[in-house]
Amino acid sequence: MLMIALYVIGGALLLVGAIALLVGGVLAVFLPQLILGGAFLIVALAIERWRYKPILAAGPDPRWVDTGERFVDPETGLLTAVYFDATKGERHYLAAPASDKSR
């Protein structure tokens, strides 16, 4: 919900910037801030969404090594296990098995 609101705010900034570009006058003073602020907000949200790694429910790939790290994901409330893929240098986040709940 918050992400949608931020996309709307970014779009509104770009829209007001476009209106300021067409109309001119007092709004033209704020033109760089409106356009750059709106574009930055939308691009930052898109990058954040692309970089966020969702928690997978499937079992780990045999190449992945369990790091022993466990945490409760604040967004889903699931106990999450962290695995490391040495071939790609990536971390993977999986829902921890039921047997890990005692940790």
Protein backbone atom coordinates (compact mmCIF):
# COMPACT_ATOMS: atom_id res chain seq x y z
CA MET A 1 0.00 0.00 0.00
CA LEU A 2 2.82 2.40 0.88
CA MET A 3 4.61 1.63 -2.37
CA ILE A 4 1.49 2.45 -4.40
CA ALA A 5 1.11 5.75 -2.55
CA LEU A 6 4.74 6.63 -3.26
CA TYR A 7 4.30 5.80 -6.96
CA VAL A 8 1.26 8.10 -7.01
CA ILE A 9 3.25 10.89 -5.33
CA GLY A 10 6.09 10.46 -7.83
CA GLY A 11 3.63 10.55 -10.72
CA ALA A 12 1.95 13.62 -9.29
CA LEU A 13 5.31 15.39 -9.01
CA LEU A 14 6.05 14.59 -12.65
CA LEU A 15 2.57 15.76 -13.69
CA VAL A 16 2.91 19.05 -11.83
CA GLY A 17 6.38 19.44 -13.35
CA ALA A 18 4.93 18.94 -16.84
CA ILE A 19 2.21 21.50 -16.12
CA ALA A 20 4.84 23.93 -14.80
CA LEU A 21 6.83 23.44 -18.00
CA LEU A 22 3.79 24.26 -20.15
CA VAL A 23 2.34 27.10 -18.06
CA GLY A 24 5.51 28.74 -16.78
CA GLY A 25 5.10 31.56 -14.30
CA VAL A 26 5.68 30.94 -10.60
CA LEU A 27 5.63 27.14 -10.97
CA ALA A 28 8.62 27.30 -13.35
CA VAL A 29 10.84 28.11 -10.35
CA PHE A 30 10.15 24.64 -8.95
CA LEU A 31 10.48 22.82 -12.28
CA PRO A 32 13.86 21.10 -11.61
CA GLN A 33 12.82 19.95 -8.14
CA LEU A 34 9.49 18.61 -9.36
CA ILE A 35 10.86 16.68 -12.33
CA LEU A 36 14.02 15.40 -10.64
CA GLY A 37 12.17 14.56 -7.41
CA GLY A 38 9.39 12.67 -9.18
CA ALA A 39 11.78 10.80 -11.48
CA PHE A 40 14.10 9.92 -8.58
CA LEU A 41 11.22 8.60 -6.49
CA ILE A 42 9.84 6.40 -9.27
CA VAL A 43 13.27 5.05 -10.28
CA ALA A 44 14.22 4.35 -6.65
CA LEU A 45 10.99 2.43 -6.09
CA ALA A 46 11.53 0.41 -9.26
CA ILE A 47 15.10 -0.47 -8.26
CA GLU A 48 14.03 -1.42 -4.74
CA ARG A 49 11.37 -3.74 -6.11
CA TRP A 50 13.84 -5.31 -8.53
CA ARG A 51 16.50 -5.85 -5.86
CA TYR A 52 14.22 -7.20 -3.13
CA LYS A 53 14.56 -10.97 -2.95
CA PRO A 54 11.31 -12.62 -1.90
CA ILE A 55 11.30 -15.56 0.47
CA LEU A 56 11.12 -18.84 -1.44
CA ALA A 57 9.09 -21.77 -0.16
CA ALA A 58 10.95 -24.38 -2.24
CA GLY A 59 13.85 -26.41 -0.89
CA PRO A 60 17.41 -25.20 -1.31
CA ASP A 61 19.48 -26.01 -4.39
CA PRO A 62 22.20 -28.58 -3.60
CA ARG A 63 24.91 -26.01 -4.41
CA TRP A 64 23.68 -23.62 -1.72
CA VAL A 65 25.33 -23.68 1.68
CA ASP A 66 23.31 -22.96 4.81
CA THR A 67 24.93 -20.00 6.59
CA GLY A 68 23.15 -20.76 9.85
CA GLU A 69 21.56 -17.31 9.84
CA ARG A 70 17.90 -17.20 10.83
CA PHE A 71 15.61 -14.22 11.19
CA VAL A 72 11.92 -13.41 11.20
CA ASP A 73 10.99 -11.57 8.02
CA PRO A 74 9.19 -8.39 9.12
CA GLU A 75 6.97 -8.32 6.03
CA THR A 76 5.66 -11.91 6.17
CA GLY A 77 6.39 -12.93 9.77
CA LEU A 78 8.06 -16.16 8.55
CA LEU A 79 11.20 -17.62 10.08
CA THR A 80 13.72 -17.31 7.27
CA ALA A 81 16.92 -19.27 6.60
CA VAL A 82 19.81 -17.74 4.65
CA TYR A 83 21.71 -19.79 2.08
CA PHE A 84 24.80 -18.79 0.10
CA ASP A 85 25.47 -19.75 -3.53
CA ALA A 86 29.26 -19.70 -3.92
CA THR A 87 29.14 -20.14 -7.70
CA LYS A 88 27.17 -16.91 -8.23
CA GLY A 89 28.04 -15.11 -4.97
CA GLU A 90 24.34 -14.64 -4.15
CA ARG A 91 22.37 -15.04 -0.96
CA HIS A 92 19.01 -16.82 -1.06
CA TYR A 93 16.26 -16.50 1.52
CA LEU A 94 14.06 -19.54 2.16
CA ALA A 95 11.29 -20.19 4.62
CA ALA A 96 12.98 -22.17 7.40
CA PRO A 97 11.81 -25.75 7.95
CA ALA A 98 9.50 -26.44 10.88
CA SER A 99 12.37 -28.16 12.74
CA ASP A 100 14.27 -24.81 12.88
CA LYS A 101 11.58 -23.10 14.95
CA SER A 102 13.36 -24.05 18.17
CA ARG A 103 16.41 -21.90 17.31
